[in-house]
PDB file of N, CA and C in Angstrom:
ATOM      1  N   UNK A   1      58.165  46.438 239.967  1.00  0.00           N
ATOM      2  CA  UNK A   1      58.565  47.453 240.700  1.00  0.00           C
ATOM      3  C   UNK A   1      57.415  48.458 240.530  1.00  0.00           C
ATOM      4  N   UNK A   2      56.417  48.364 240.301  1.00  0.00           N
ATOM      5  CA  UNK A   2      55.281  49.536 240.841  1.00  0.00           C
ATOM      6  C   UNK A   2      54.661  49.130 241.999  1.00  0.00           C
ATOM      7  N   UNK A   3      54.127  50.119 242.463  1.00  0.00           N
ATOM      8  CA  UNK A   3      53.418  49.677 243.787  1.00  0.00           C
ATOM      9  C   UNK A   3      51.923  49.446 243.036  1.00  0.00           C
ATOM     10  N   UNK A   4      50.906  48.710 243.983  1.00  0.00           N
ATOM     11  CA  UNK A   4      49.721  48.380 243.158  1.00  0.00           C
ATOM     12  C   UNK A   4      48.744  49.737 243.124  1.00  0.00           C
ATOM     13  N   UNK A   5      49.185  50.492 243.221  1.00  0.00           N
ATOM     14  CA  UNK A   5      47.959  51.788 243.054  1.00  0.00           C
ATOM     15  C   UNK A   5      48.963  52.809 241.912  1.00  0.00           C
ATOM     16  N   UNK A   6      49.965  52.310 241.505  1.00  0.00           N
ATOM     17  CA  UNK A   6      50.329  52.891 240.298  1.00  0.00           C
ATOM     18  C   UNK A   6      49.345  52.794 238.896  1.00  0.00           C
ATOM     19  N   UNK A   7      49.041  54.006 238.124  1.00  0.00           N
ATOM     20  CA  UNK A   7      48.207  53.996 237.294  1.00  0.00           C
ATOM     21  C   UNK A   7      48.937  53.111 235.952  1.00  0.00           C
ATOM     22  N   UNK A   8      48.884  52.112 235.876  1.00  0.00           N
ATOM     23  CA  UNK A   8      49.483  51.554 234.699  1.00  0.00           C
ATOM     24  C   UNK A   8      48.435  51.204 233.595  1.00  0.00           C
ATOM     25  N   UNK A   9      48.783  51.474 232.158  1.00  0.00           N
ATOM     26  CA  UNK A   9      47.954  51.067 231.150  1.00  0.00           C
ATOM     27  C   UNK A   9      47.801  49.469 231.464  1.00  0.00           C
ATOM     28  N   UNK A  10      46.549  49.357 230.755  1.00  0.00           N
ATOM     29  CA  UNK A  10      45.655  47.774 231.095  1.00  0.00           C
ATOM     30  C   UNK A  10      46.418  46.781 229.543  1.00  0.00           C
ATOM     31  N   UNK A  11      47.042  47.228 228.721  1.00  0.00           N
ATOM     32  CA  UNK A  11      47.336  46.789 227.262  1.00  0.00           C
ATOM     33  C   UNK A  11      49.339  46.809 227.725  1.00  0.00           C
ATOM     34  N   UNK A  12      49.866  47.073 228.524  1.00  0.00           N
ATOM     35  CA  UNK A  12      51.336  46.970 228.739  1.00  0.00           C
ATOM     36  C   UNK A  12      51.841  45.138 227.966  1.00  0.00           C
ATOM     37  N   UNK A  13      52.725  45.378 227.099  1.00  0.00           N
ATOM     38  CA  UNK A  13      53.173  44.036 226.905  1.00  0.00           C
ATOM     39  C   UNK A  13      54.594  43.764 227.551  1.00  0.00           C
ATOM     40  N   UNK A  14      54.255  43.239 229.081  1.00  0.00           N
ATOM     41  CA  UNK A  14      55.466  43.114 229.618  1.00  0.00           C
ATOM     42  C   UNK A  14      56.562  42.326 229.120  1.00  0.00           C
ATOM     43  N   UNK A  15      55.823  40.890 228.506  1.00  0.00           N
ATOM     44  CA  UNK A  15      56.903  40.169 227.734  1.00  0.00           C
ATOM     45  C   UNK A  15      57.649  40.551 226.966  1.00  0.00           C
ATOM     46  N   UNK A  16      57.220  41.338 225.938  1.00  0.00           N
ATOM     47  CA  UNK A  16      58.049  41.568 224.853  1.00  0.00           C
ATOM     48  C   UNK A  16      58.889  42.790 225.502  1.00  0.00           C
ATOM     49  N   UNK A  17      58.617  43.561 226.569  1.00  0.00           N
ATOM     50  CA  UNK A  17      59.616  44.211 227.292  1.00  0.00           C
ATOM     51  C   UNK A  17      60.755  43.619 227.902  1.00  0.00           C
ATOM     52  N   UNK A  18      60.605  42.312 228.546  1.00  0.00           N
ATOM     53  CA  UNK A  18      61.591  41.407 228.916  1.00  0.00           C
ATOM     54  C   UNK A  18      61.937  40.505 227.720  1.00  0.00           C
ATOM     55  N   UNK A  19      61.574  40.506 226.910  1.00  0.00           N
ATOM     56  CA  UNK A  19      62.370  39.749 225.891  1.00  0.00           C
ATOM     57  C   UNK A  19      63.458  40.746 224.897  1.00  0.00           C
ATOM     58  N   UNK A  20      62.996  42.089 224.736  1.00  0.00           N
ATOM     59  CA  UNK A  20      63.427  43.286 224.070  1.00  0.00           C
ATOM     60  C   UNK A  20      64.650  43.518 224.829  1.00  0.00           C
ATOM     61  N   UNK A  21      64.348  43.615 226.024  1.00  0.00           N
ATOM     62  CA  UNK A  21      65.557  44.493 227.111  1.00  0.00           C
ATOM     63  C   UNK A  21      66.087  43.618 228.250  1.00  0.00           C
ATOM     64  N   UNK A  22      67.068  43.183 228.113  1.00  0.00           N
ATOM     65  CA  UNK A  22      67.937  42.202 229.338  1.00  0.00           C
ATOM     66  C   UNK A  22      68.687  42.997 229.802  1.00  0.00           C
ATOM     67  N   UNK A  23      68.014  42.960 231.449  1.00  0.00           N
ATOM     68  CA  UNK A  23      68.585  44.039 232.500  1.00  0.00           C
ATOM     69  C   UNK A  23      68.401  43.543 233.697  1.00  0.00           C
ATOM     70  N   UNK A  24      69.287  43.898 234.780  1.00  0.00           N
ATOM     71  CA  UNK A  24      69.295  43.469 235.825  1.00  0.00           C
ATOM     72  C   UNK A  24      68.604  44.494 236.950  1.00  0.00           C
ATOM     73  N   UNK A  25      68.107  43.902 238.027  1.00  0.00           N
ATOM     74  CA  UNK A  25      66.851  44.527 238.754  1.00  0.00           C
ATOM     75  C   UNK A  25      67.202  45.962 239.026  1.00  0.00           C
ATOM     76  N   UNK A  26      68.517  46.566 239.112  1.00  0.00           N
ATOM     77  CA  UNK A  26      68.832  48.048 239.427  1.00  0.00           C
ATOM     78  C   UNK A  26      68.520  48.959 238.242  1.00  0.00           C
ATOM     79  N   UNK A  27      68.638  48.390 236.729  1.00  0.00           N
ATOM     80  CA  UNK A  27      68.103  48.853 235.754  1.00  0.00           C
ATOM     81  C   UNK A  27      66.797  48.812 235.787  1.00  0.00           C
ATOM     82  N   UNK A  28      66.216  47.824 235.869  1.00  0.00           N
ATOM     83  CA  UNK A  28      64.693  48.133 235.661  1.00  0.00           C
ATOM     84  C   UNK A  28      63.984  48.904 236.691  1.00  0.00           C
ATOM     85  N   UNK A  29      64.853  48.999 237.767  1.00  0.00           N
ATOM     86  CA  UNK A  29      64.225  49.818 238.707  1.00  0.00           C
ATOM     87  C   UNK A  29      64.268  51.409 237.970  1.00  0.00           C
ATOM     88  N   UNK A  30      65.691  51.792 237.458  1.00  0.00           N
ATOM     89  CA  UNK A  30      65.847  52.988 236.916  1.00  0.00           C
ATOM     90  C   UNK A  30      64.846  53.424 235.877  1.00  0.00           C
ATOM     91  N   UNK A  31      64.753  52.251 235.029  1.00  0.00           N
ATOM     92  CA  UNK A  31      63.475  52.403 234.161  1.00  0.00           C
ATOM     93  C   UNK A  31      62.613  52.828 234.213  1.00  0.00           C
ATOM     94  N   UNK A  32      62.099  52.035 235.347  1.00  0.00           N
ATOM     95  CA  UNK A  32      60.138  52.075 235.805  1.00  0.00           C
ATOM     96  C   UNK A  32      60.472  53.624 236.275  1.00  0.00           C
ATOM     97  N   UNK A  33      61.143  54.206 237.032  1.00  0.00           N
ATOM     98  CA  UNK A  33      61.399  55.219 237.857  1.00  0.00           C
ATOM     99  C   UNK A  33      61.095  56.484 236.484  1.00  0.00           C
ATOM    100  N   UNK A  34      62.067  55.986 235.480  1.00  0.00           N
ATOM    101  CA  UNK A  34      61.779  56.912 234.567  1.00  0.00           C
ATOM    102  C   UNK A  34      60.340  57.008 233.796  1.00  0.00           C
ATOM    103  N   UNK A  35      60.127  55.867 233.536  1.00  0.00           N
ATOM    104  CA  UNK A  35      58.713  55.678 233.088  1.00  0.00           C
ATOM    105  C   UNK A  35      57.517  56.353 233.689  1.00  0.00           C
ATOM    106  N   UNK A  36      57.800  56.221 234.877  1.00  0.00           N
ATOM    107  CA  UNK A  36      56.768  57.068 236.062  1.00  0.00           C
ATOM    108  C   UNK A  36      57.046  58.484 235.759  1.00  0.00           C
ATOM    109  N   UNK A  37      58.155  59.167 235.960  1.00  0.00           N
ATOM    110  CA  UNK A  37      58.473  60.467 236.026  1.00  0.00           C
ATOM    111  C   UNK A  37      57.868  60.918 234.604  1.00  0.00           C
ATOM    112  N   UNK A  38      58.199  60.194 233.638  1.00  0.00           N
ATOM    113  CA  UNK A  38      57.673  60.730 231.962  1.00  0.00           C
ATOM    114  C   UNK A  38      56.005  60.979 232.030  1.00  0.00           C
ATOM    115  N   UNK A  39      55.273  60.079 232.525  1.00  0.00           N
ATOM    116  CA  UNK A  39      53.841  60.187 232.507  1.00  0.00           C
ATOM    117  C   UNK A  39      53.768  61.292 233.520  1.00  0.00           C
ATOM    118  N   UNK A  40      53.924  61.421 234.546  1.00  0.00           N
ATOM    119  CA  UNK A  40      53.846  62.312 235.725  1.00  0.00           C
ATOM    120  C   UNK A  40      53.631  63.715 234.996  1.00  0.00           C
ATOM    121  N   UNK A  41      54.838  63.815 233.895  1.00  0.00           N
ATOM    122  CA  UNK A  41      54.960  64.976 233.560  1.00  0.00           C
ATOM    123  C   UNK A  41      53.813  65.341 232.501  1.00  0.00           C
ATOM    124  N   UNK A  42      53.269  64.253 232.103  1.00  0.00           N
ATOM    125  CA  UNK A  42      51.853  64.639 231.215  1.00  0.00           C
ATOM    126  C   UNK A  42      50.817  65.297 232.103  1.00  0.00           C
ATOM    127  N   UNK A  43      50.805  65.168 233.739  1.00  0.00           N
ATOM    128  CA  UNK A  43      49.908  65.564 234.453  1.00  0.00           C
ATOM    129  C   UNK A  43      49.839  64.340 235.625  1.00  0.00           C
ATOM    130  N   UNK A  44      48.946  64.927 236.908  1.00  0.00           N
ATOM    131  CA  UNK A  44      48.914  64.080 237.745  1.00  0.00           C
ATOM    132  C   UNK A  44      47.958  62.813 237.565  1.00  0.00           C
ATOM    133  N   UNK A  45      47.399  62.719 237.115  1.00  0.00           N
ATOM    134  CA  UNK A  45      46.058  61.453 236.590  1.00  0.00           C
ATOM    135  C   UNK A  45      46.813  60.849 235.370  1.00  0.00           C
ATOM    136  N   UNK A  46      47.795  60.873 234.767  1.00  0.00           N
ATOM    137  CA  UNK A  46      48.255  60.305 233.781  1.00  0.00           C
ATOM    138  C   UNK A  46      48.599  58.666 233.672  1.00  0.00           C
ATOM    139  N   UNK A  47      48.248  58.014 233.209  1.00  0.00           N
ATOM    140  CA  UNK A  47      48.497  56.638 233.230  1.00  0.00           C
ATOM    141  C   UNK A  47      49.963  56.219 232.703  1.00  0.00           C
ATOM    142  N   UNK A  48      50.907  55.336 233.226  1.00  0.00           N
ATOM    143  CA  UNK A  48      52.309  54.895 232.812  1.00  0.00           C
ATOM    144  C   UNK A  48      51.426  54.180 231.623  1.00  0.00           C
ATOM    145  N   UNK A  49      52.361  54.445 230.294  1.00  0.00           N
ATOM    146  CA  UNK A  49      52.375  53.552 229.184  1.00  0.00           C
ATOM    147  C   UNK A  49      52.922  52.600 228.420  1.00  0.00           C
ATOM    148  N   UNK A  50      52.734  51.752 227.873  1.00  0.00           N
ATOM    149  CA  UNK A  50      53.760  51.054 227.069  1.00  0.00           C
ATOM    150  C   UNK A  50      54.948  51.681 226.314  1.00  0.00           C
ATOM    151  N   UNK A  51      54.538  53.176 225.657  1.00  0.00           N
ATOM    152  CA  UNK A  51      55.779  53.529 225.238  1.00  0.00           C
ATOM    153  C   UNK A  51      56.567  54.591 226.451  1.00  0.00           C
ATOM    154  N   UNK A  52      55.665  54.943 227.468  1.00  0.00           N
ATOM    155  CA  UNK A  52      56.853  55.024 227.930  1.00  0.00           C
ATOM    156  C   UNK A  52      57.623  54.245 228.895  1.00  0.00           C
ATOM    157  N   UNK A  53      56.958  53.079 229.131  1.00  0.00           N
ATOM    158  CA  UNK A  53      58.346  51.848 229.455  1.00  0.00           C
ATOM    159  C   UNK A  53      59.070  51.846 228.471  1.00  0.00           C
ATOM    160  N   UNK A  54      58.823  51.420 227.267  1.00  0.00           N
ATOM    161  CA  UNK A  54      59.885  51.098 226.160  1.00  0.00           C
ATOM    162  C   UNK A  54      60.511  52.285 225.830  1.00  0.00           C
ATOM    163  N   UNK A  55      60.626  53.271 226.193  1.00  0.00           N
ATOM    164  CA  UNK A  55      61.579  54.388 225.984  1.00  0.00           C
ATOM    165  C   UNK A  55      62.273  54.435 227.062  1.00  0.00           C
ATOM    166  N   UNK A  56      61.762  54.544 228.162  1.00  0.00           N
ATOM    167  CA  UNK A  56      62.503  54.153 229.694  1.00  0.00           C
ATOM    168  C   UNK A  56      63.433  53.117 229.767  1.00  0.00           C
ATOM    169  N   UNK A  57      63.214  52.360 228.926  1.00  0.00           N
ATOM    170  CA  UNK A  57      64.117  51.121 228.761  1.00  0.00           C
ATOM    171  C   UNK A  57      65.454  51.298 227.909  1.00  0.00           C
ATOM    172  N   UNK A  58      64.809  51.729 226.744  1.00  0.00           N
ATOM    173  CA  UNK A  58      65.852  52.322 225.638  1.00  0.00           C
ATOM    174  C   UNK A  58      66.978  53.205 226.210  1.00  0.00           C
ATOM    175  N   UNK A  59      66.480  54.036 226.660  1.00  0.00           N
ATOM    176  CA  UNK A  59      67.186  54.951 227.594  1.00  0.00           C
ATOM    177  C   UNK A  59      68.294  54.065 228.345  1.00  0.00           C
ATOM    178  N   UNK A  60      67.811  53.493 229.313  1.00  0.00           N
ATOM    179  CA  UNK A  60      68.770  52.626 230.202  1.00  0.00           C
ATOM    180  C   UNK A  60      69.603  52.169 229.423  1.00  0.00           C
ATOM    181  N   UNK A  61      69.343  51.037 228.434  1.00  0.00           N
ATOM    182  CA  UNK A  61      70.436  50.681 227.619  1.00  0.00           C
ATOM    183  C   UNK A  61      71.244  51.255 226.952  1.00  0.00           C
ATOM    184  N   UNK A  62      71.137  52.731 226.464  1.00  0.00           N
ATOM    185  CA  UNK A  62      72.082  53.220 226.056  1.00  0.00           C
ATOM    186  C   UNK A  62      72.896  54.003 227.187  1.00  0.00           C
ATOM    187  N   UNK A  63      72.233  54.178 228.263  1.00  0.00           N
ATOM    188  CA  UNK A  63      73.227  54.351 229.276  1.00  0.00           C
ATOM    189  C   UNK A  63      74.114  53.115 229.924  1.00  0.00           C
ATOM    190  N   UNK A  64      73.912  52.290 230.126  1.00  0.00           N
ATOM    191  CA  UNK A  64      74.531  50.761 230.076  1.00  0.00           C
ATOM    192  C   UNK A  64      75.517  50.381 229.259  1.00  0.00           C
ATOM    193  N   UNK A  65      75.351  51.243 227.966  1.00  0.00           N
ATOM    194  CA  UNK A  65      76.677  50.838 226.967  1.00  0.00           C
ATOM    195  C   UNK A  65      75.659  50.020 225.500  1.00  0.00           C
ATOM    196  N   UNK A  66      74.946  49.871 225.810  1.00  0.00           N
ATOM    197  CA  UNK A  66      73.832  48.928 224.749  1.00  0.00           C
ATOM    198  C   UNK A  66      73.095  49.602 223.774  1.00  0.00           C
ATOM    199  N   UNK A  67      72.878  49.068 222.607  1.00  0.00           N
ATOM    200  CA  UNK A  67      71.878  49.832 221.737  1.00  0.00           C
ATOM    201  C   UNK A  67      70.849  49.213 221.954  1.00  0.00           C
ATOM    202  N   UNK A  68      69.722  50.067 221.945  1.00  0.00           N
ATOM    203  CA  UNK A  68      68.333  49.140 222.039  1.00  0.00           C
ATOM    204  C   UNK A  68      67.304  49.762 221.304  1.00  0.00           C
TER     205      UNK A  68
END
């Protein structure tokens, strides 16, 4: 969901996120945008971290009516 130039942390555990949060593409996209917005709020040169992605996925889960 991220373009190649997106500043992603090198230590993101994508498999952990995939195993923990089962969601369709639209929700994944919303979570990715939410994580990027959270990182951007810290500053324009801030990296998107695992914590940003995990929190965004948890928030999407809540909006989907699931507990995350």
